[in-house]
Amino acid sequence: GASYASFDGQSPGSEGTLVPWDGFWVKAYKSGIKLRIPASTSNCGAPALATTPGTRAQSWLVRLTATQGDLVDDSAVLGQHPGSRRAWDKNDLRELAPFDSPFLTVVFPHPEWTDRAGDYATDFHLAAQILARDNWRFDVRTSEIEVPVTLSWSGSERHRRQALLVDLETGARLFTDEHESYTFTPQTDRHRFRWIYIP
């Protein structure tokens, strides 16, 4: 499709692969930045998530994947990570608007982030030191109206199975421990959802 996948080599869950003849954009926030392409794609430098039991604050992530016919977007990631916060932080990667049609993209919209307002491919909150409910708002956007979309999730088994997915357009609610995916038919180019983590 005509949507982008955001990657910085540092944010948890961001995955990047350069494919011959694909285009890519690099945004440098400071002068004097050099682009270096790693020879290995094993982890691309992204830090591993903490999984050791007993640590006070652990990282975890859930990847959202939208599929519509031949279109797939699997770059949307939500979760918790030490050093992150509810406002913008370095682990929140901006999602560029699709450059053409057809497109399918999953974004975390944040119009409230003032000078950082926009759509994001990743949305990390501060890793809680105690179990606490948390939630994320996201959109599935598509140029293909009235064509079914299947939304699925993967990642931390514990956290993806302790969540409630709310379809804000239809009011449908489903617990993710009982379902592996959710299929809906968009009536406009933007279908809104909320992901609620329930410890």
N, C-alpha and C. Protein backbone atom coordinates (compact mmCIF):
# COMPACT_ATOMS: atom_id res chain seq x y z
N GLY A 1 0.82 -1.20 0.00
CA GLY A 1 0.00 0.00 0.00
C GLY A 1 0.86 1.25 0.00
N ALA A 2 0.23 2.37 0.34
CA ALA A 2 0.93 3.65 0.28
C ALA A 2 1.16 4.24 1.66
N SER A 3 1.22 3.40 2.68
CA SER A 3 1.47 3.90 4.03
C SER A 3 2.92 3.62 4.42
N TYR A 4 3.36 4.27 5.49
CA TYR A 4 4.74 4.16 5.95
C TYR A 4 4.86 3.26 7.16
N ALA A 5 6.08 2.78 7.41
CA ALA A 5 6.44 2.10 8.66
C ALA A 5 7.55 2.92 9.30
N SER A 6 7.35 3.36 10.54
CA SER A 6 8.35 4.18 11.22
C SER A 6 9.35 3.31 11.97
N PHE A 7 10.62 3.71 11.93
CA PHE A 7 11.68 2.94 12.55
C PHE A 7 12.80 3.86 12.97
N ASP A 8 13.33 3.67 14.19
CA ASP A 8 14.48 4.48 14.62
C ASP A 8 15.61 3.66 15.22
N GLY A 9 15.44 2.33 15.32
CA GLY A 9 16.49 1.49 15.85
C GLY A 9 16.63 1.55 17.35
N GLN A 10 15.79 2.32 18.03
CA GLN A 10 15.89 2.46 19.48
C GLN A 10 14.58 2.18 20.19
N SER A 11 13.46 2.60 19.64
CA SER A 11 12.18 2.40 20.30
C SER A 11 11.84 0.91 20.35
N PRO A 12 11.40 0.42 21.51
CA PRO A 12 11.05 -1.00 21.61
C PRO A 12 10.00 -1.38 20.57
N GLY A 13 10.22 -2.52 19.94
CA GLY A 13 9.25 -3.03 18.98
C GLY A 13 9.35 -2.46 17.58
N SER A 14 10.16 -1.42 17.38
CA SER A 14 10.27 -0.88 16.03
C SER A 14 11.13 -1.82 15.21
N GLU A 15 10.63 -2.18 14.05
CA GLU A 15 11.32 -3.11 13.18
C GLU A 15 11.54 -2.46 11.83
N GLY A 16 12.76 -2.55 11.32
CA GLY A 16 13.04 -1.92 10.04
C GLY A 16 13.80 -2.85 9.12
N THR A 17 13.39 -2.93 7.88
CA THR A 17 14.09 -3.69 6.87
C THR A 17 14.10 -2.88 5.59
N LEU A 18 15.27 -2.66 5.03
CA LEU A 18 15.37 -1.93 3.77
C LEU A 18 15.26 -2.93 2.63
N VAL A 19 14.25 -2.75 1.81
CA VAL A 19 13.99 -3.66 0.69
C VAL A 19 14.42 -2.95 -0.59
N PRO A 20 15.14 -3.65 -1.49
CA PRO A 20 15.55 -3.00 -2.74
C PRO A 20 14.38 -2.37 -3.47
N TRP A 21 14.59 -1.14 -3.92
CA TRP A 21 13.64 -0.34 -4.69
C TRP A 21 12.53 0.28 -3.84
N ASP A 22 12.52 0.01 -2.54
CA ASP A 22 11.61 0.73 -1.65
C ASP A 22 12.23 2.08 -1.30
N GLY A 23 11.39 3.06 -1.05
CA GLY A 23 11.89 4.36 -0.65
C GLY A 23 11.83 4.52 0.86
N PHE A 24 12.67 5.38 1.41
CA PHE A 24 12.60 5.67 2.83
C PHE A 24 13.02 7.11 3.08
N TRP A 25 12.48 7.68 4.17
CA TRP A 25 12.80 9.04 4.59
C TRP A 25 13.57 8.98 5.89
N VAL A 26 14.53 9.88 6.04
CA VAL A 26 15.26 9.99 7.29
C VAL A 26 15.10 11.42 7.79
N LYS A 27 14.64 11.57 9.04
CA LYS A 27 14.49 12.90 9.63
C LYS A 27 15.55 13.08 10.69
N ALA A 28 16.41 14.08 10.53
CA ALA A 28 17.47 14.38 11.50
C ALA A 28 17.02 15.56 12.35
N TYR A 29 17.04 15.37 13.67
CA TYR A 29 16.61 16.42 14.59
C TYR A 29 17.76 17.32 15.03
N LYS A 30 18.99 16.94 14.73
CA LYS A 30 20.16 17.75 15.08
C LYS A 30 21.05 17.86 13.86
N SER A 31 21.87 18.90 13.81
CA SER A 31 22.83 19.02 12.71
C SER A 31 23.97 18.04 12.94
N GLY A 32 24.65 17.65 11.88
CA GLY A 32 25.80 16.77 12.00
C GLY A 32 25.46 15.30 12.13
N ILE A 33 24.18 14.93 11.92
CA ILE A 33 23.77 13.53 12.02
C ILE A 33 24.21 12.78 10.75
N LYS A 34 24.72 11.56 10.94
CA LYS A 34 25.12 10.72 9.81
C LYS A 34 24.22 9.48 9.77
N LEU A 35 23.86 9.07 8.58
CA LEU A 35 23.06 7.86 8.40
C LEU A 35 24.00 6.68 8.21
N ARG A 36 23.85 5.67 9.07
CA ARG A 36 24.65 4.44 8.95
C ARG A 36 23.70 3.27 8.82
N ILE A 37 23.86 2.49 7.77
CA ILE A 37 23.02 1.33 7.54
C ILE A 37 23.71 0.12 8.16
N PRO A 38 23.08 -0.55 9.16
CA PRO A 38 23.76 -1.70 9.77
C PRO A 38 23.87 -2.88 8.82
N ALA A 39 24.97 -3.63 8.95
CA ALA A 39 25.16 -4.80 8.09
C ALA A 39 24.26 -5.95 8.52
N SER A 40 23.88 -5.97 9.79
CA SER A 40 23.04 -7.05 10.30
C SER A 40 21.66 -6.51 10.62
N THR A 41 20.63 -7.30 10.33
CA THR A 41 19.26 -6.88 10.64
C THR A 41 18.70 -7.69 11.80
N SER A 42 19.57 -8.36 12.57
CA SER A 42 19.09 -9.25 13.62
C SER A 42 18.23 -8.53 14.64
N ASN A 43 18.66 -7.35 15.10
CA ASN A 43 17.87 -6.61 16.06
C ASN A 43 17.88 -5.12 15.73
N CYS A 44 18.73 -4.74 14.78
CA CYS A 44 18.83 -3.35 14.33
C CYS A 44 19.09 -2.39 15.49
N GLY A 45 19.67 -2.89 16.58
CA GLY A 45 20.04 -2.01 17.68
C GLY A 45 18.93 -1.69 18.64
N ALA A 46 17.72 -2.17 18.41
CA ALA A 46 16.62 -1.86 19.32
C ALA A 46 16.84 -2.57 20.65
N PRO A 47 16.64 -1.89 21.78
CA PRO A 47 16.88 -2.52 23.06
C PRO A 47 15.88 -3.64 23.35
N ALA A 48 16.38 -4.66 24.01
CA ALA A 48 15.50 -5.77 24.40
C ALA A 48 14.57 -5.32 25.51
N LEU A 49 13.39 -5.91 25.56
CA LEU A 49 12.45 -5.57 26.61
C LEU A 49 12.77 -6.36 27.87
N ALA A 50 12.60 -5.70 29.02
CA ALA A 50 12.87 -6.37 30.29
C ALA A 50 11.82 -7.44 30.54
N THR A 51 12.27 -8.64 30.85
CA THR A 51 11.33 -9.72 31.09
C THR A 51 11.62 -10.45 32.40
N THR A 52 12.61 -9.98 33.14
CA THR A 52 12.99 -10.67 34.37
C THR A 52 11.93 -10.52 35.44
N PRO A 53 11.38 -11.63 35.96
CA PRO A 53 10.38 -11.53 37.01
C PRO A 53 10.97 -10.84 38.24
N GLY A 54 10.15 -10.06 38.91
CA GLY A 54 10.58 -9.44 40.15
C GLY A 54 11.11 -8.03 39.99
N THR A 55 11.40 -7.59 38.77
CA THR A 55 11.84 -6.21 38.62
C THR A 55 10.65 -5.30 38.87
N ARG A 56 10.93 -4.12 39.38
CA ARG A 56 9.85 -3.24 39.81
C ARG A 56 9.05 -2.68 38.64
N ALA A 57 9.72 -2.35 37.56
CA ALA A 57 9.02 -1.80 36.40
C ALA A 57 9.54 -2.49 35.15
N GLN A 58 8.67 -3.18 34.44
CA GLN A 58 9.09 -3.93 33.26
C GLN A 58 8.52 -3.29 32.01
N SER A 59 9.26 -3.48 30.92
CA SER A 59 8.75 -3.08 29.61
C SER A 59 7.90 -4.20 29.04
N TRP A 60 6.90 -3.82 28.29
CA TRP A 60 6.12 -4.79 27.54
C TRP A 60 5.50 -4.06 26.35
N LEU A 61 5.13 -4.83 25.34
CA LEU A 61 4.50 -4.23 24.16
C LEU A 61 3.50 -5.17 23.54
N VAL A 62 2.56 -4.58 22.83
CA VAL A 62 1.59 -5.31 22.03
C VAL A 62 1.61 -4.69 20.63
N ARG A 63 1.75 -5.53 19.62
CA ARG A 63 1.75 -5.06 18.23
C ARG A 63 0.36 -5.25 17.64
N LEU A 64 -0.18 -4.20 17.05
CA LEU A 64 -1.49 -4.26 16.38
C LEU A 64 -1.26 -4.42 14.89
N THR A 65 -1.97 -5.37 14.28
CA THR A 65 -1.84 -5.61 12.84
C THR A 65 -3.21 -5.51 12.20
N ALA A 66 -3.31 -4.67 11.18
CA ALA A 66 -4.55 -4.52 10.41
C ALA A 66 -4.32 -5.14 9.03
N THR A 67 -5.30 -5.93 8.58
CA THR A 67 -5.23 -6.58 7.27
C THR A 67 -6.52 -6.32 6.52
N GLN A 68 -6.39 -5.90 5.27
CA GLN A 68 -7.55 -5.63 4.42
C GLN A 68 -7.19 -6.04 3.00
N GLY A 69 -7.65 -7.22 2.61
CA GLY A 69 -7.25 -7.74 1.29
C GLY A 69 -5.75 -7.92 1.24
N ASP A 70 -5.08 -7.29 0.27
CA ASP A 70 -3.63 -7.38 0.13
C ASP A 70 -2.90 -6.34 0.98
N LEU A 71 -3.63 -5.44 1.62
CA LEU A 71 -3.01 -4.38 2.42
C LEU A 71 -2.78 -4.86 3.85
N VAL A 72 -1.60 -4.57 4.39
CA VAL A 72 -1.25 -4.95 5.77
C VAL A 72 -0.47 -3.82 6.40
N ASP A 73 -0.82 -3.48 7.64
CA ASP A 73 0.00 -2.57 8.45
C ASP A 73 0.24 -3.25 9.78
N ASP A 74 1.52 -3.57 10.07
CA ASP A 74 1.87 -4.22 11.32
C ASP A 74 2.89 -3.43 12.11
N SER A 75 2.93 -2.11 11.91
CA SER A 75 3.95 -1.30 12.57
C SER A 75 3.44 -0.55 13.80
N ALA A 76 2.17 -0.70 14.16
CA ALA A 76 1.62 0.01 15.33
C ALA A 76 1.93 -0.78 16.60
N VAL A 77 2.57 -0.11 17.56
CA VAL A 77 2.98 -0.76 18.81
C VAL A 77 2.56 0.10 19.99
N LEU A 78 1.92 -0.52 20.98
CA LEU A 78 1.59 0.16 22.23
C LEU A 78 2.24 -0.61 23.37
N GLY A 79 2.44 0.07 24.50
CA GLY A 79 3.01 -0.63 25.64
C GLY A 79 3.49 0.30 26.72
N GLN A 80 4.29 -0.26 27.63
CA GLN A 80 4.88 0.52 28.71
C GLN A 80 6.38 0.30 28.70
N HIS A 81 7.13 1.35 29.07
CA HIS A 81 8.58 1.30 29.04
C HIS A 81 9.15 2.30 30.04
N PRO A 82 10.14 1.91 30.85
CA PRO A 82 10.74 2.88 31.78
C PRO A 82 11.27 4.09 31.02
N GLY A 83 11.04 5.26 31.54
CA GLY A 83 11.50 6.47 30.89
C GLY A 83 10.47 7.07 29.95
N SER A 84 9.42 6.32 29.63
CA SER A 84 8.35 6.87 28.81
C SER A 84 7.37 7.62 29.70
N ARG A 85 6.43 8.32 29.08
CA ARG A 85 5.41 9.05 29.82
C ARG A 85 4.17 9.19 28.95
N ARG A 86 3.11 9.74 29.52
CA ARG A 86 1.87 9.88 28.75
C ARG A 86 1.99 10.96 27.69
N ALA A 87 2.80 11.95 27.93
CA ALA A 87 3.07 12.96 26.90
C ALA A 87 4.11 12.38 25.93
N TRP A 88 4.52 13.19 24.94
CA TRP A 88 5.50 12.70 23.97
C TRP A 88 6.81 12.37 24.66
N ASP A 89 7.45 11.29 24.20
CA ASP A 89 8.82 10.96 24.62
C ASP A 89 9.52 10.30 23.45
N LYS A 90 10.81 10.02 23.61
CA LYS A 90 11.63 9.53 22.50
C LYS A 90 11.19 8.17 21.96
N ASN A 91 10.36 7.43 22.70
CA ASN A 91 9.88 6.13 22.23
C ASN A 91 8.61 6.23 21.39
N ASP A 92 8.08 7.44 21.22
CA ASP A 92 6.88 7.65 20.41
C ASP A 92 7.31 8.09 19.01
N LEU A 93 7.13 7.21 18.04
CA LEU A 93 7.57 7.48 16.67
C LEU A 93 6.42 8.02 15.83
N ARG A 94 6.67 9.12 15.15
CA ARG A 94 5.64 9.73 14.31
C ARG A 94 5.34 8.86 13.09
N GLU A 95 4.06 8.82 12.73
CA GLU A 95 3.62 8.09 11.54
C GLU A 95 3.30 9.11 10.45
N LEU A 96 3.96 8.98 9.31
CA LEU A 96 3.69 9.89 8.19
C LEU A 96 2.37 9.51 7.53
N ALA A 97 1.70 10.52 7.00
CA ALA A 97 0.43 10.27 6.30
C ALA A 97 0.70 9.47 5.03
N PRO A 98 -0.20 8.57 4.65
CA PRO A 98 -0.01 7.81 3.40
C PRO A 98 0.20 8.75 2.22
N PHE A 99 1.04 8.32 1.29
CA PHE A 99 1.39 9.19 0.17
C PHE A 99 0.54 8.96 -1.07
N ASP A 100 -0.35 7.95 -1.06
CA ASP A 100 -1.17 7.65 -2.23
C ASP A 100 -2.25 6.65 -1.80
N SER A 101 -3.02 6.17 -2.74
CA SER A 101 -4.02 5.13 -2.49
C SER A 101 -3.68 3.92 -3.35
N PRO A 102 -4.05 2.72 -2.94
CA PRO A 102 -4.78 2.41 -1.71
C PRO A 102 -3.86 2.44 -0.50
N PHE A 103 -4.43 2.67 0.69
CA PHE A 103 -3.63 2.64 1.89
C PHE A 103 -4.42 2.05 3.04
N LEU A 104 -3.69 1.52 4.00
CA LEU A 104 -4.23 1.02 5.26
C LEU A 104 -3.18 1.32 6.31
N THR A 105 -3.56 2.01 7.38
CA THR A 105 -2.59 2.37 8.41
C THR A 105 -3.26 2.40 9.79
N VAL A 106 -2.49 2.05 10.81
CA VAL A 106 -2.95 2.13 12.19
C VAL A 106 -2.13 3.20 12.88
N VAL A 107 -2.79 4.17 13.49
CA VAL A 107 -2.08 5.29 14.12
C VAL A 107 -2.65 5.58 15.50
N PHE A 108 -1.79 6.15 16.34
CA PHE A 108 -2.20 6.68 17.65
C PHE A 108 -2.27 8.20 17.50
N PRO A 109 -3.48 8.78 17.39
CA PRO A 109 -3.58 10.23 17.20
C PRO A 109 -3.37 10.97 18.53
N HIS A 110 -2.56 12.02 18.48
CA HIS A 110 -2.32 12.82 19.68
C HIS A 110 -2.38 14.31 19.34
N PRO A 111 -3.59 14.85 19.11
CA PRO A 111 -3.71 16.28 18.83
C PRO A 111 -3.40 17.13 20.06
N GLU A 112 -3.41 16.52 21.25
CA GLU A 112 -3.20 17.27 22.50
C GLU A 112 -1.72 17.50 22.81
N TRP A 113 -0.80 16.98 22.01
CA TRP A 113 0.62 17.11 22.31
C TRP A 113 1.21 18.41 21.78
N THR A 114 0.45 19.44 21.67
CA THR A 114 0.85 20.81 21.27
C THR A 114 1.90 20.79 20.16
N ASP A 115 3.17 21.11 20.47
CA ASP A 115 4.18 21.22 19.40
C ASP A 115 4.57 19.86 18.82
N ARG A 116 4.16 18.76 19.45
CA ARG A 116 4.42 17.42 18.92
C ARG A 116 3.14 16.76 18.44
N ALA A 117 2.07 17.53 18.29
CA ALA A 117 0.77 16.99 17.89
C ALA A 117 0.87 16.26 16.56
N GLY A 118 0.15 15.15 16.45
CA GLY A 118 0.14 14.41 15.20
C GLY A 118 -0.21 12.95 15.42
N ASP A 119 0.05 12.15 14.39
CA ASP A 119 -0.23 10.71 14.42
C ASP A 119 1.07 9.96 14.67
N TYR A 120 0.96 8.90 15.48
CA TYR A 120 2.15 8.14 15.87
C TYR A 120 1.99 6.65 15.59
N ALA A 121 3.12 6.01 15.27
CA ALA A 121 3.14 4.57 15.01
C ALA A 121 3.36 3.79 16.29
N THR A 122 4.01 4.40 17.28
CA THR A 122 4.23 3.77 18.57
C THR A 122 3.73 4.70 19.66
N ASP A 123 3.25 4.12 20.75
CA ASP A 123 2.75 4.91 21.88
C ASP A 123 3.07 4.17 23.17
N PHE A 124 4.15 4.60 23.83
CA PHE A 124 4.57 3.98 25.08
C PHE A 124 4.26 4.89 26.25
N HIS A 125 3.78 4.29 27.34
CA HIS A 125 3.55 4.99 28.60
C HIS A 125 4.59 4.54 29.61
N LEU A 126 4.68 5.25 30.71
CA LEU A 126 5.62 4.90 31.77
C LEU A 126 5.30 3.51 32.30
N ALA A 127 6.32 2.66 32.43
CA ALA A 127 6.12 1.33 32.98
C ALA A 127 5.73 1.45 34.44
N ALA A 128 4.58 0.90 34.78
CA ALA A 128 4.05 1.03 36.13
C ALA A 128 4.82 0.16 37.11
N GLN A 129 5.10 0.71 38.29
CA GLN A 129 5.77 -0.07 39.34
C GLN A 129 4.76 -0.89 40.11
N ILE A 130 3.50 -0.54 40.00
CA ILE A 130 2.43 -1.36 40.56
C ILE A 130 1.43 -1.61 39.43
N LEU A 131 0.70 -2.67 39.53
CA LEU A 131 -0.28 -2.98 38.49
C LEU A 131 -1.35 -1.91 38.45
N ALA A 132 -1.57 -1.33 37.30
CA ALA A 132 -2.56 -0.28 37.17
C ALA A 132 -3.19 -0.35 35.79
N ARG A 133 -4.46 -0.01 35.72
CA ARG A 133 -5.17 0.02 34.44
C ARG A 133 -4.57 1.13 33.57
N ASP A 134 -4.52 0.89 32.28
CA ASP A 134 -3.98 1.87 31.34
C ASP A 134 -4.77 1.74 30.04
N ASN A 135 -4.75 2.78 29.19
CA ASN A 135 -5.48 2.68 27.93
C ASN A 135 -4.84 3.52 26.84
N TRP A 136 -5.10 3.12 25.60
CA TRP A 136 -4.56 3.78 24.41
C TRP A 136 -5.68 3.96 23.40
N ARG A 137 -5.73 5.13 22.75
CA ARG A 137 -6.67 5.41 21.67
C ARG A 137 -5.93 5.25 20.35
N PHE A 138 -6.55 4.56 19.37
CA PHE A 138 -5.92 4.43 18.07
C PHE A 138 -6.98 4.41 16.98
N ASP A 139 -6.54 4.71 15.77
CA ASP A 139 -7.40 4.69 14.59
C ASP A 139 -6.89 3.66 13.60
N VAL A 140 -7.81 3.02 12.89
CA VAL A 140 -7.47 2.28 11.68
C VAL A 140 -8.00 3.13 10.54
N ARG A 141 -7.10 3.55 9.66
CA ARG A 141 -7.47 4.43 8.55
C ARG A 141 -7.23 3.70 7.23
N THR A 142 -8.18 3.87 6.32
CA THR A 142 -8.09 3.16 5.05
C THR A 142 -8.74 3.98 3.93
N SER A 143 -8.25 3.75 2.73
CA SER A 143 -8.88 4.36 1.55
C SER A 143 -9.97 3.46 0.99
N GLU A 144 -10.05 2.22 1.50
CA GLU A 144 -10.99 1.23 0.97
C GLU A 144 -12.21 1.12 1.89
N ILE A 145 -13.18 2.00 1.68
CA ILE A 145 -14.38 2.05 2.52
C ILE A 145 -15.27 0.84 2.23
N GLU A 146 -15.93 0.34 3.28
CA GLU A 146 -16.87 -0.78 3.19
C GLU A 146 -16.21 -2.09 2.73
N VAL A 147 -14.90 -2.18 2.95
CA VAL A 147 -14.18 -3.44 2.71
C VAL A 147 -13.72 -3.93 4.08
N PRO A 148 -14.06 -5.17 4.48
CA PRO A 148 -13.73 -5.64 5.83
C PRO A 148 -12.24 -5.54 6.17
N VAL A 149 -11.98 -5.18 7.41
CA VAL A 149 -10.62 -5.10 7.96
C VAL A 149 -10.55 -6.05 9.15
N THR A 150 -9.47 -6.80 9.25
CA THR A 150 -9.25 -7.65 10.42
C THR A 150 -8.11 -7.06 11.24
N LEU A 151 -8.40 -6.81 12.51
CA LEU A 151 -7.42 -6.29 13.45
C LEU A 151 -6.99 -7.43 14.36
N SER A 152 -5.68 -7.68 14.46
CA SER A 152 -5.17 -8.73 15.35
C SER A 152 -4.06 -8.15 16.21
N TRP A 153 -3.62 -8.92 17.21
CA TRP A 153 -2.63 -8.42 18.16
C TRP A 153 -1.66 -9.53 18.51
N SER A 154 -0.42 -9.13 18.80
CA SER A 154 0.63 -10.07 19.19
C SER A 154 1.57 -9.35 20.15
N GLY A 155 2.50 -10.10 20.74
CA GLY A 155 3.44 -9.50 21.68
C GLY A 155 3.35 -10.16 23.02
N SER A 156 3.54 -9.37 24.08
CA SER A 156 3.53 -9.89 25.45
C SER A 156 2.23 -10.65 25.70
N GLU A 157 2.35 -11.97 25.93
CA GLU A 157 1.13 -12.78 26.08
C GLU A 157 0.28 -12.31 27.25
N ARG A 158 0.92 -12.05 28.36
CA ARG A 158 0.17 -11.62 29.54
C ARG A 158 -0.61 -10.34 29.27
N HIS A 159 0.04 -9.36 28.65
CA HIS A 159 -0.60 -8.06 28.47
C HIS A 159 -1.60 -8.04 27.32
N ARG A 160 -1.37 -8.86 26.31
CA ARG A 160 -2.36 -8.88 25.21
C ARG A 160 -3.57 -9.71 25.59
N ARG A 161 -3.46 -10.55 26.60
CA ARG A 161 -4.60 -11.35 27.04
C ARG A 161 -5.34 -10.72 28.22
N GLN A 162 -4.84 -9.61 28.73
CA GLN A 162 -5.50 -8.92 29.83
C GLN A 162 -5.97 -7.55 29.36
N ALA A 163 -6.69 -7.54 28.26
CA ALA A 163 -7.10 -6.26 27.69
C ALA A 163 -8.54 -6.33 27.18
N LEU A 164 -9.11 -5.16 27.06
CA LEU A 164 -10.44 -5.00 26.49
C LEU A 164 -10.29 -4.11 25.27
N LEU A 165 -10.76 -4.58 24.12
CA LEU A 165 -10.77 -3.78 22.90
C LEU A 165 -12.16 -3.19 22.73
N VAL A 166 -12.23 -1.87 22.59
CA VAL A 166 -13.51 -1.19 22.43
C VAL A 166 -13.55 -0.54 21.05
N ASP A 167 -14.54 -0.92 20.25
CA ASP A 167 -14.79 -0.29 18.95
C ASP A 167 -15.63 0.95 19.23
N LEU A 168 -15.03 2.12 19.12
CA LEU A 168 -15.71 3.37 19.47
C LEU A 168 -16.76 3.78 18.45
N GLU A 169 -16.74 3.16 17.27
CA GLU A 169 -17.73 3.48 16.24
C GLU A 169 -19.02 2.68 16.44
N THR A 170 -18.88 1.40 16.81
CA THR A 170 -20.07 0.55 16.93
C THR A 170 -20.45 0.26 18.38
N GLY A 171 -19.53 0.51 19.30
CA GLY A 171 -19.77 0.18 20.70
C GLY A 171 -19.43 -1.25 21.06
N ALA A 172 -18.98 -2.04 20.09
CA ALA A 172 -18.61 -3.43 20.36
C ALA A 172 -17.43 -3.48 21.32
N ARG A 173 -17.47 -4.46 22.25
CA ARG A 173 -16.41 -4.64 23.23
C ARG A 173 -16.05 -6.11 23.27
N LEU A 174 -14.75 -6.42 23.28
CA LEU A 174 -14.35 -7.81 23.39
C LEU A 174 -13.10 -7.94 24.23
N PHE A 175 -13.05 -9.00 25.02
CA PHE A 175 -11.88 -9.29 25.84
C PHE A 175 -10.88 -10.07 24.99
N THR A 176 -9.63 -9.61 24.99
CA THR A 176 -8.64 -10.20 24.09
C THR A 176 -8.18 -11.59 24.53
N ASP A 177 -8.52 -12.01 25.75
CA ASP A 177 -8.18 -13.38 26.13
C ASP A 177 -9.15 -14.38 25.50
N GLU A 178 -10.26 -13.89 24.95
CA GLU A 178 -11.26 -14.76 24.33
C GLU A 178 -11.23 -14.70 22.81
N HIS A 179 -10.46 -13.75 22.25
CA HIS A 179 -10.42 -13.56 20.80
C HIS A 179 -8.99 -13.31 20.34
N GLU A 180 -8.67 -13.79 19.14
CA GLU A 180 -7.36 -13.56 18.54
C GLU A 180 -7.38 -12.39 17.57
N SER A 181 -8.59 -11.99 17.15
CA SER A 181 -8.71 -10.90 16.17
C SER A 181 -10.13 -10.34 16.22
N TYR A 182 -10.32 -9.24 15.50
CA TYR A 182 -11.63 -8.59 15.42
C TYR A 182 -11.79 -8.08 13.99
N THR A 183 -12.90 -8.43 13.34
CA THR A 183 -13.16 -8.00 11.97
C THR A 183 -14.30 -6.99 11.97
N PHE A 184 -14.10 -5.89 11.25
CA PHE A 184 -15.10 -4.85 11.16
C PHE A 184 -15.12 -4.30 9.73
N THR A 185 -16.17 -3.59 9.40
CA THR A 185 -16.30 -2.98 8.08
C THR A 185 -16.34 -1.47 8.23
N PRO A 186 -15.29 -0.77 7.84
CA PRO A 186 -15.26 0.68 8.01
C PRO A 186 -16.28 1.38 7.12
N GLN A 187 -17.00 2.33 7.71
CA GLN A 187 -17.98 3.11 6.95
C GLN A 187 -17.42 4.46 6.51
N THR A 188 -16.29 4.85 7.09
CA THR A 188 -15.57 6.06 6.68
C THR A 188 -14.09 5.70 6.61
N ASP A 189 -13.24 6.68 6.29
CA ASP A 189 -11.81 6.39 6.18
C ASP A 189 -11.10 6.33 7.53
N ARG A 190 -11.85 6.52 8.63
CA ARG A 190 -11.25 6.49 9.97
C ARG A 190 -12.16 5.72 10.92
N HIS A 191 -11.63 4.64 11.50
CA HIS A 191 -12.39 3.82 12.45
C HIS A 191 -11.65 3.88 13.78
N ARG A 192 -12.31 4.34 14.83
CA ARG A 192 -11.68 4.62 16.12
C ARG A 192 -11.82 3.46 17.11
N PHE A 193 -10.74 3.24 17.89
CA PHE A 193 -10.72 2.17 18.88
C PHE A 193 -10.08 2.66 20.18
N ARG A 194 -10.31 1.89 21.25
CA ARG A 194 -9.58 2.08 22.50
C ARG A 194 -9.13 0.70 22.98
N TRP A 195 -7.86 0.61 23.39
CA TRP A 195 -7.28 -0.60 23.96
C TRP A 195 -7.09 -0.35 25.45
N ILE A 196 -7.73 -1.15 26.29
CA ILE A 196 -7.68 -0.95 27.75
C ILE A 196 -6.98 -2.14 28.38
N TYR A 197 -5.85 -1.88 29.03
CA TYR A 197 -5.15 -2.94 29.75
C TYR A 197 -5.75 -3.06 31.15
N ILE A 198 -6.15 -4.27 31.51
CA ILE A 198 -6.80 -4.52 32.80
C ILE A 198 -5.97 -5.54 33.56
N PRO A 199 -5.14 -5.12 34.53
CA PRO A 199 -4.28 -6.07 35.26
C PRO A 199 -5.10 -6.96 36.19
